[in-house]
């Protein structure tokens, strides 16, 4: 498995994805400061007080990051899986003297691990910079405590894993049609739906657990179906 993943990294450079991660991180950090400044820009806004509370502010940031990285995961999966299993590339790939399941699993592990790992790193850096500046020049009226920081990191971890799971489910839709656009459109729709549902989890955490469990189940079913489709493909 490790050798197959290393081979995938040699065949497909990740530099463009690294650049996308960096742009996402800088953009999200700026957006977070902008949201924290909303109570100062428009104090008469009824919901402005929510943006001065760390749990709400970090929750919104994590949800937006999850949507972005789930779409990035779908784009990456399109390149590593969908494009590889169509046309002449599929003939070459399926002719390898290696188990088809192992090859596909290596690709899925790479896409999932990259999505989760980069979102965790990006989110952790954003939170570290924001909380550091808040300890020196606070924008939010809420009190910054260890509990708040741990809750933010926990929510970030859940959203990172969820982004990877949504990428796998989106891949299943695209692989059925062997279409990159279908994969990306599916990821956009799924990300929008999940973000709408999880937004309620900022006030009612069990919803997060329900969505997380459902995404995990659908991802497992999607992987099983993908393996079945690859095994049934003819050279």
C-alpha atoms as a PDB file:
ATOM      1  CA  UNK A   1       0.000   0.000   0.000  1.00  0.00           C
ATOM      2  CA  UNK A   2       2.801   2.429   0.921  1.00  0.00           C
ATOM      3  CA  UNK A   3       4.597   1.725  -2.362  1.00  0.00           C
ATOM      4  CA  UNK A   4       1.418   2.269  -4.355  1.00  0.00           C
ATOM      5  CA  UNK A   5       0.780   5.584  -2.607  1.00  0.00           C
ATOM      6  CA  UNK A   6       4.391   6.639  -3.242  1.00  0.00           C
ATOM      7  CA  UNK A   7       3.937   5.713  -6.904  1.00  0.00           C
ATOM      8  CA  UNK A   8       0.803   7.854  -7.103  1.00  0.00           C
ATOM      9  CA  UNK A   9       2.697  10.799  -5.636  1.00  0.00           C
ATOM     10  CA  UNK A  10       5.388  10.394  -8.286  1.00  0.00           C
ATOM     11  CA  UNK A  11       2.852  10.214 -11.102  1.00  0.00           C
ATOM     12  CA  UNK A  12       0.734  13.113  -9.864  1.00  0.00           C
ATOM     13  CA  UNK A  13       2.344  16.231  -8.450  1.00  0.00           C
ATOM     14  CA  UNK A  14       0.552  17.921  -5.567  1.00  0.00           C
ATOM     15  CA  UNK A  15       2.028  21.385  -5.976  1.00  0.00           C
ATOM     16  CA  UNK A  16      -1.188  22.878  -7.385  1.00  0.00           C
ATOM     17  CA  UNK A  17      -3.130  21.514  -4.403  1.00  0.00           C
ATOM     18  CA  UNK A  18      -0.559  22.951  -1.978  1.00  0.00           C
ATOM     19  CA  UNK A  19      -1.026  26.363  -3.582  1.00  0.00           C
ATOM     20  CA  UNK A  20      -4.817  26.011  -3.329  1.00  0.00           C
ATOM     21  CA  UNK A  21      -4.478  25.111   0.371  1.00  0.00           C
ATOM     22  CA  UNK A  22      -2.318  28.183   1.004  1.00  0.00           C
ATOM     23  CA  UNK A  23      -4.769  30.487  -0.772  1.00  0.00           C
ATOM     24  CA  UNK A  24      -7.636  28.945   1.180  1.00  0.00           C
ATOM     25  CA  UNK A  25      -5.836  29.435   4.491  1.00  0.00           C
ATOM     26  CA  UNK A  26      -5.009  33.095   3.868  1.00  0.00           C
ATOM     27  CA  UNK A  27      -8.538  33.796   2.623  1.00  0.00           C
ATOM     28  CA  UNK A  28     -10.207  32.086   5.570  1.00  0.00           C
ATOM     29  CA  UNK A  29      -7.992  33.916   8.062  1.00  0.00           C
ATOM     30  CA  UNK A  30      -8.977  37.231   6.510  1.00  0.00           C
ATOM     31  CA  UNK A  31     -12.648  36.209   6.495  1.00  0.00           C
ATOM     32  CA  UNK A  32     -12.442  35.277  10.165  1.00  0.00           C
ATOM     33  CA  UNK A  33     -11.096  38.695  11.126  1.00  0.00           C
ATOM     34  CA  UNK A  34     -13.772  40.315   8.956  1.00  0.00           C
ATOM     35  CA  UNK A  35     -16.541  38.365  10.719  1.00  0.00           C
ATOM     36  CA  UNK A  36     -15.079  39.234  14.129  1.00  0.00           C
ATOM     37  CA  UNK A  37     -15.220  42.934  13.164  1.00  0.00           C
ATOM     38  CA  UNK A  38     -18.913  42.834  12.178  1.00  0.00           C
ATOM     39  CA  UNK A  39     -20.126  44.004  15.633  1.00  0.00           C
ATOM     40  CA  UNK A  40     -17.916  47.095  15.259  1.00  0.00           C
ATOM     41  CA  UNK A  41     -18.979  47.825  11.668  1.00  0.00           C
ATOM     42  CA  UNK A  42     -22.721  47.517  12.279  1.00  0.00           C
ATOM     43  CA  UNK A  43     -23.597  47.435  15.998  1.00  0.00           C
ATOM     44  CA  UNK A  44     -27.304  47.778  15.215  1.00  0.00           C
ATOM     45  CA  UNK A  45     -27.422  44.434  13.409  1.00  0.00           C
ATOM     46  CA  UNK A  46     -29.557  42.034  15.536  1.00  0.00           C
ATOM     47  CA  UNK A  47     -27.215  39.064  14.975  1.00  0.00           C
ATOM     48  CA  UNK A  48     -23.987  41.046  15.269  1.00  0.00           C
ATOM     49  CA  UNK A  49     -23.467  39.865  18.845  1.00  0.00           C
ATOM     50  CA  UNK A  50     -23.116  36.257  17.637  1.00  0.00           C
ATOM     51  CA  UNK A  51     -19.915  37.141  15.780  1.00  0.00           C
ATOM     52  CA  UNK A  52     -18.313  38.275  19.026  1.00  0.00           C
ATOM     53  CA  UNK A  53     -18.628  34.736  20.457  1.00  0.00           C
ATOM     54  CA  UNK A  54     -15.755  32.344  19.805  1.00  0.00           C
ATOM     55  CA  UNK A  55     -17.794  29.104  19.437  1.00  0.00           C
ATOM     56  CA  UNK A  56     -20.024  30.636  16.761  1.00  0.00           C
ATOM     57  CA  UNK A  57     -17.159  32.355  14.963  1.00  0.00           C
ATOM     58  CA  UNK A  58     -14.916  29.267  14.896  1.00  0.00           C
ATOM     59  CA  UNK A  59     -17.857  27.071  13.949  1.00  0.00           C
ATOM     60  CA  UNK A  60     -18.683  29.176  10.892  1.00  0.00           C
ATOM     61  CA  UNK A  61     -15.029  29.207   9.851  1.00  0.00           C
ATOM     62  CA  UNK A  62     -14.751  25.414  10.143  1.00  0.00           C
ATOM     63  CA  UNK A  63     -17.931  24.890   8.121  1.00  0.00           C
ATOM     64  CA  UNK A  64     -16.731  27.123   5.291  1.00  0.00           C
ATOM     65  CA  UNK A  65     -13.350  25.347   5.330  1.00  0.00           C
ATOM     66  CA  UNK A  66     -15.123  21.990   5.232  1.00  0.00           C
ATOM     67  CA  UNK A  67     -17.090  23.031   2.147  1.00  0.00           C
ATOM     68  CA  UNK A  68     -13.945  24.269   0.383  1.00  0.00           C
ATOM     69  CA  UNK A  69     -11.867  21.194   1.201  1.00  0.00           C
ATOM     70  CA  UNK A  70     -14.640  18.754   0.304  1.00  0.00           C
ATOM     71  CA  UNK A  71     -14.761  20.353  -3.146  1.00  0.00           C
ATOM     72  CA  UNK A  72     -10.962  20.263  -3.323  1.00  0.00           C
ATOM     73  CA  UNK A  73     -11.143  16.576  -2.382  1.00  0.00           C
ATOM     74  CA  UNK A  74     -13.575  15.958  -5.252  1.00  0.00           C
ATOM     75  CA  UNK A  75     -11.267  17.755  -7.685  1.00  0.00           C
ATOM     76  CA  UNK A  76      -8.342  15.662  -6.486  1.00  0.00           C
ATOM     77  CA  UNK A  77     -10.371  12.447  -6.660  1.00  0.00           C
ATOM     78  CA  UNK A  78     -11.395  13.323 -10.220  1.00  0.00           C
ATOM     79  CA  UNK A  79      -7.765  13.507 -11.232  1.00  0.00           C
ATOM     80  CA  UNK A  80      -6.537  10.468  -9.303  1.00  0.00           C
ATOM     81  CA  UNK A  81      -9.504   8.165  -9.936  1.00  0.00           C
ATOM     82  CA  UNK A  82     -12.081   9.276 -12.509  1.00  0.00           C
ATOM     83  CA  UNK A  83      -9.573  10.326 -15.174  1.00  0.00           C
ATOM     84  CA  UNK A  84      -7.433   7.253 -14.512  1.00  0.00           C
ATOM     85  CA  UNK A  85     -10.273   4.785 -15.075  1.00  0.00           C
ATOM     86  CA  UNK A  86     -11.484   5.972 -18.453  1.00  0.00           C
ATOM     87  CA  UNK A  87     -10.104   5.700 -21.963  1.00  0.00           C
ATOM     88  CA  UNK A  88      -6.612   4.433 -22.657  1.00  0.00           C
ATOM     89  CA  UNK A  89      -5.490   5.152 -19.108  1.00  0.00           C
ATOM     90  CA  UNK A  90      -7.960   2.586 -17.804  1.00  0.00           C
ATOM     91  CA  UNK A  91      -6.597  -0.094 -20.148  1.00  0.00           C
ATOM     92  CA  UNK A  92      -3.068   0.538 -18.879  1.00  0.00           C
ATOM     93  CA  UNK A  93      -4.123   0.721 -15.228  1.00  0.00           C
ATOM     94  CA  UNK A  94      -6.190  -2.457 -15.291  1.00  0.00           C
ATOM     95  CA  UNK A  95      -3.391  -4.381 -16.992  1.00  0.00           C
ATOM     96  CA  UNK A  96      -1.050  -3.931 -14.020  1.00  0.00           C
ATOM     97  CA  UNK A  97      -0.119  -7.223 -12.308  1.00  0.00           C
ATOM     98  CA  UNK A  98      -1.488  -5.826  -9.037  1.00  0.00           C
ATOM     99  CA  UNK A  99      -4.820  -6.304  -7.335  1.00  0.00           C
ATOM    100  CA  UNK A 100      -7.326  -3.786  -8.675  1.00  0.00           C
ATOM    101  CA  UNK A 101      -8.686  -3.268  -5.177  1.00  0.00           C
ATOM    102  CA  UNK A 102      -5.252  -2.366  -3.807  1.00  0.00           C
ATOM    103  CA  UNK A 103      -4.647   0.174  -6.564  1.00  0.00           C
ATOM    104  CA  UNK A 104      -7.999   1.869  -6.002  1.00  0.00           C
ATOM    105  CA  UNK A 105      -7.630   1.766  -2.201  1.00  0.00           C
ATOM    106  CA  UNK A 106      -4.219   3.435  -2.484  1.00  0.00           C
ATOM    107  CA  UNK A 107      -5.772   6.250  -4.493  1.00  0.00           C
ATOM    108  CA  UNK A 108      -8.675   6.647  -2.068  1.00  0.00           C
ATOM    109  CA  UNK A 109      -6.401   6.620   0.985  1.00  0.00           C
ATOM    110  CA  UNK A 110      -4.166   9.260  -0.579  1.00  0.00           C
ATOM    111  CA  UNK A 111      -7.072  11.574  -1.445  1.00  0.00           C
ATOM    112  CA  UNK A 112      -8.794  11.108   1.920  1.00  0.00           C
ATOM    113  CA  UNK A 113      -5.606  11.491   3.992  1.00  0.00           C
ATOM    114  CA  UNK A 114      -4.489  14.564   2.042  1.00  0.00           C
ATOM    115  CA  UNK A 115      -7.883  16.230   2.459  1.00  0.00           C
ATOM    116  CA  UNK A 116      -8.103  15.562   6.187  1.00  0.00           C
ATOM    117  CA  UNK A 117      -4.450  16.360   6.882  1.00  0.00           C
ATOM    118  CA  UNK A 118      -4.301  19.622   4.940  1.00  0.00           C
ATOM    119  CA  UNK A 119      -7.581  20.902   6.366  1.00  0.00           C
ATOM    120  CA  UNK A 120      -6.406  20.091   9.884  1.00  0.00           C
ATOM    121  CA  UNK A 121      -3.121  21.885   9.286  1.00  0.00           C
ATOM    122  CA  UNK A 122      -4.778  24.856   7.596  1.00  0.00           C
ATOM    123  CA  UNK A 123      -7.466  25.161  10.275  1.00  0.00           C
ATOM    124  CA  UNK A 124      -4.984  24.761  13.138  1.00  0.00           C
ATOM    125  CA  UNK A 125      -2.766  27.539  11.743  1.00  0.00           C
ATOM    126  CA  UNK A 126      -5.785  29.827  11.305  1.00  0.00           C
ATOM    127  CA  UNK A 127      -6.948  29.194  14.855  1.00  0.00           C
ATOM    128  CA  UNK A 128      -3.433  29.604  16.288  1.00  0.00           C
ATOM    129  CA  UNK A 129      -2.906  32.971  14.574  1.00  0.00           C
ATOM    130  CA  UNK A 130      -6.388  34.227  15.451  1.00  0.00           C
ATOM    131  CA  UNK A 131      -6.264  33.145  19.101  1.00  0.00           C
ATOM    132  CA  UNK A 132      -2.773  34.599  19.473  1.00  0.00           C
ATOM    133  CA  UNK A 133      -3.872  37.997  18.217  1.00  0.00           C
ATOM    134  CA  UNK A 134      -7.014  37.764  20.336  1.00  0.00           C
ATOM    135  CA  UNK A 135      -4.919  37.272  23.454  1.00  0.00           C
ATOM    136  CA  UNK A 136      -3.057  40.496  22.639  1.00  0.00           C
ATOM    137  CA  UNK A 137      -5.653  42.672  20.879  1.00  0.00           C
ATOM    138  CA  UNK A 138      -9.093  41.099  21.357  1.00  0.00           C
ATOM    139  CA  UNK A 139     -11.848  41.806  18.874  1.00  0.00           C
ATOM    140  CA  UNK A 140     -14.432  39.500  20.433  1.00  0.00           C
ATOM    141  CA  UNK A 141     -16.147  40.324  23.702  1.00  0.00           C
ATOM    142  CA  UNK A 142     -16.228  36.620  24.607  1.00  0.00           C
ATOM    143  CA  UNK A 143     -13.662  35.243  27.044  1.00  0.00           C
ATOM    144  CA  UNK A 144     -10.873  33.161  25.519  1.00  0.00           C
ATOM    145  CA  UNK A 145     -10.330  30.009  27.595  1.00  0.00           C
ATOM    146  CA  UNK A 146      -8.648  26.625  27.199  1.00  0.00           C
ATOM    147  CA  UNK A 147     -12.081  25.053  26.916  1.00  0.00           C
ATOM    148  CA  UNK A 148     -12.948  27.285  23.964  1.00  0.00           C
ATOM    149  CA  UNK A 149      -9.690  26.382  22.216  1.00  0.00           C
ATOM    150  CA  UNK A 150     -10.193  22.625  22.762  1.00  0.00           C
ATOM    151  CA  UNK A 151     -13.792  22.804  21.530  1.00  0.00           C
ATOM    152  CA  UNK A 152     -12.637  24.637  18.414  1.00  0.00           C
ATOM    153  CA  UNK A 153      -9.959  22.028  17.722  1.00  0.00           C
ATOM    154  CA  UNK A 154     -12.459  19.214  18.247  1.00  0.00           C
ATOM    155  CA  UNK A 155     -14.944  20.756  15.846  1.00  0.00           C
ATOM    156  CA  UNK A 156     -12.129  21.316  13.338  1.00  0.00           C
ATOM    157  CA  UNK A 157     -11.174  17.630  13.533  1.00  0.00           C
ATOM    158  CA  UNK A 158     -14.769  16.521  12.913  1.00  0.00           C
ATOM    159  CA  UNK A 159     -15.154  18.902   9.970  1.00  0.00           C
ATOM    160  CA  UNK A 160     -11.827  17.753   8.482  1.00  0.00           C
ATOM    161  CA  UNK A 161     -12.856  14.092   8.535  1.00  0.00           C
ATOM    162  CA  UNK A 162     -16.276  15.024   7.197  1.00  0.00           C
ATOM    163  CA  UNK A 163     -14.672  16.867   4.263  1.00  0.00           C
ATOM    164  CA  UNK A 164     -12.772  13.701   3.361  1.00  0.00           C
ATOM    165  CA  UNK A 165     -15.922  11.568   3.621  1.00  0.00           C
ATOM    166  CA  UNK A 166     -17.906  13.945   1.413  1.00  0.00           C
ATOM    167  CA  UNK A 167     -15.125  13.774  -1.157  1.00  0.00           C
ATOM    168  CA  UNK A 168     -15.468   9.979  -1.288  1.00  0.00           C
ATOM    169  CA  UNK A 169     -19.251  10.152  -1.689  1.00  0.00           C
ATOM    170  CA  UNK A 170     -18.889  12.767  -4.451  1.00  0.00           C
ATOM    171  CA  UNK A 171     -16.406  10.493  -6.209  1.00  0.00           C
ATOM    172  CA  UNK A 172     -18.992   7.707  -6.281  1.00  0.00           C
ATOM    173  CA  UNK A 173     -21.422   9.933  -8.203  1.00  0.00           C
ATOM    174  CA  UNK A 174     -18.744  10.975 -10.674  1.00  0.00           C
ATOM    175  CA  UNK A 175     -17.283   7.493 -11.142  1.00  0.00           C
ATOM    176  CA  UNK A 176     -20.652   6.075 -12.191  1.00  0.00           C
ATOM    177  CA  UNK A 177     -20.702   8.484 -15.136  1.00  0.00           C
ATOM    178  CA  UNK A 178     -16.901   8.608 -15.520  1.00  0.00           C
ATOM    179  CA  UNK A 179     -17.358  12.376 -15.408  1.00  0.00           C
ATOM    180  CA  UNK A 180     -15.219  15.009 -13.687  1.00  0.00           C
ATOM    181  CA  UNK A 181     -17.949  17.707 -13.802  1.00  0.00           C
ATOM    182  CA  UNK A 182     -20.454  15.344 -12.157  1.00  0.00           C
ATOM    183  CA  UNK A 183     -17.970  14.679  -9.339  1.00  0.00           C
ATOM    184  CA  UNK A 184     -17.403  18.370  -8.682  1.00  0.00           C
ATOM    185  CA  UNK A 185     -21.086  19.338  -8.958  1.00  0.00           C
ATOM    186  CA  UNK A 186     -21.990  16.522  -6.557  1.00  0.00           C
ATOM    187  CA  UNK A 187     -19.417  17.801  -4.056  1.00  0.00           C
ATOM    188  CA  UNK A 188     -20.809  21.346  -4.258  1.00  0.00           C
ATOM    189  CA  UNK A 189     -24.363  20.130  -3.651  1.00  0.00           C
ATOM    190  CA  UNK A 190     -23.349  17.817  -0.801  1.00  0.00           C
ATOM    191  CA  UNK A 191     -21.211  20.511   0.854  1.00  0.00           C
ATOM    192  CA  UNK A 192     -24.058  23.033   0.666  1.00  0.00           C
ATOM    193  CA  UNK A 193     -26.586  20.592   2.132  1.00  0.00           C
ATOM    194  CA  UNK A 194     -24.301  19.412   4.931  1.00  0.00           C
ATOM    195  CA  UNK A 195     -23.289  22.955   5.878  1.00  0.00           C
ATOM    196  CA  UNK A 196     -26.945  23.946   6.129  1.00  0.00           C
ATOM    197  CA  UNK A 197     -27.676  21.009   8.425  1.00  0.00           C
ATOM    198  CA  UNK A 198     -24.557  21.279  10.578  1.00  0.00           C
ATOM    199  CA  UNK A 199     -25.078  25.001  11.132  1.00  0.00           C
ATOM    200  CA  UNK A 200     -27.714  23.892  13.633  1.00  0.00           C
ATOM    201  CA  UNK A 201     -25.018  21.847  15.388  1.00  0.00           C
ATOM    202  CA  UNK A 202     -23.463  25.063  16.617  1.00  0.00           C
ATOM    203  CA  UNK A 203     -26.328  25.156  19.091  1.00  0.00           C
ATOM    204  CA  UNK A 204     -27.228  21.438  19.183  1.00  0.00           C
ATOM    205  CA  UNK A 205     -24.138  19.229  18.989  1.00  0.00           C
ATOM    206  CA  UNK A 206     -25.923  15.832  18.574  1.00  0.00           C
ATOM    207  CA  UNK A 207     -26.809  16.910  15.022  1.00  0.00           C
ATOM    208  CA  UNK A 208     -23.100  16.878  14.221  1.00  0.00           C
ATOM    209  CA  UNK A 209     -22.857  13.287  15.402  1.00  0.00           C
ATOM    210  CA  UNK A 210     -25.845  12.233  13.294  1.00  0.00           C
ATOM    211  CA  UNK A 211     -24.488  13.876  10.133  1.00  0.00           C
ATOM    212  CA  UNK A 212     -21.015  12.482  10.810  1.00  0.00           C
ATOM    213  CA  UNK A 213     -22.386   8.929  11.203  1.00  0.00           C
ATOM    214  CA  UNK A 214     -24.506   9.170   8.052  1.00  0.00           C
ATOM    215  CA  UNK A 215     -21.577  10.505   6.027  1.00  0.00           C
ATOM    216  CA  UNK A 216     -19.409   7.644   7.297  1.00  0.00           C
ATOM    217  CA  UNK A 217     -22.001   5.031   6.337  1.00  0.00           C
ATOM    218  CA  UNK A 218     -22.506   6.503   2.859  1.00  0.00           C
ATOM    219  CA  UNK A 219     -18.728   6.717   2.357  1.00  0.00           C
ATOM    220  CA  UNK A 220     -18.280   3.033   3.273  1.00  0.00           C
ATOM    221  CA  UNK A 221     -21.074   2.014   0.900  1.00  0.00           C
ATOM    222  CA  UNK A 222     -19.554   4.208  -1.817  1.00  0.00           C
ATOM    223  CA  UNK A 223     -16.123   2.594  -1.389  1.00  0.00           C
ATOM    224  CA  UNK A 224     -17.610  -0.904  -1.571  1.00  0.00           C
ATOM    225  CA  UNK A 225     -19.463   0.001  -4.754  1.00  0.00           C
ATOM    226  CA  UNK A 226     -16.369   1.598  -6.286  1.00  0.00           C
ATOM    227  CA  UNK A 227     -14.339  -1.546  -5.608  1.00  0.00           C
ATOM    228  CA  UNK A 228     -17.085  -3.660  -7.175  1.00  0.00           C
ATOM    229  CA  UNK A 229     -17.192  -1.456 -10.264  1.00  0.00           C
ATOM    230  CA  UNK A 230     -13.412  -1.593 -10.715  1.00  0.00           C
ATOM    231  CA  UNK A 231     -13.343  -5.385 -10.329  1.00  0.00           C
ATOM    232  CA  UNK A 232     -16.049  -5.736 -12.981  1.00  0.00           C
ATOM    233  CA  UNK A 233     -14.358  -3.458 -15.493  1.00  0.00           C
ATOM    234  CA  UNK A 234     -13.104  -5.171 -18.640  1.00  0.00           C
ATOM    235  CA  UNK A 235      -9.691  -4.459 -20.110  1.00  0.00           C
END
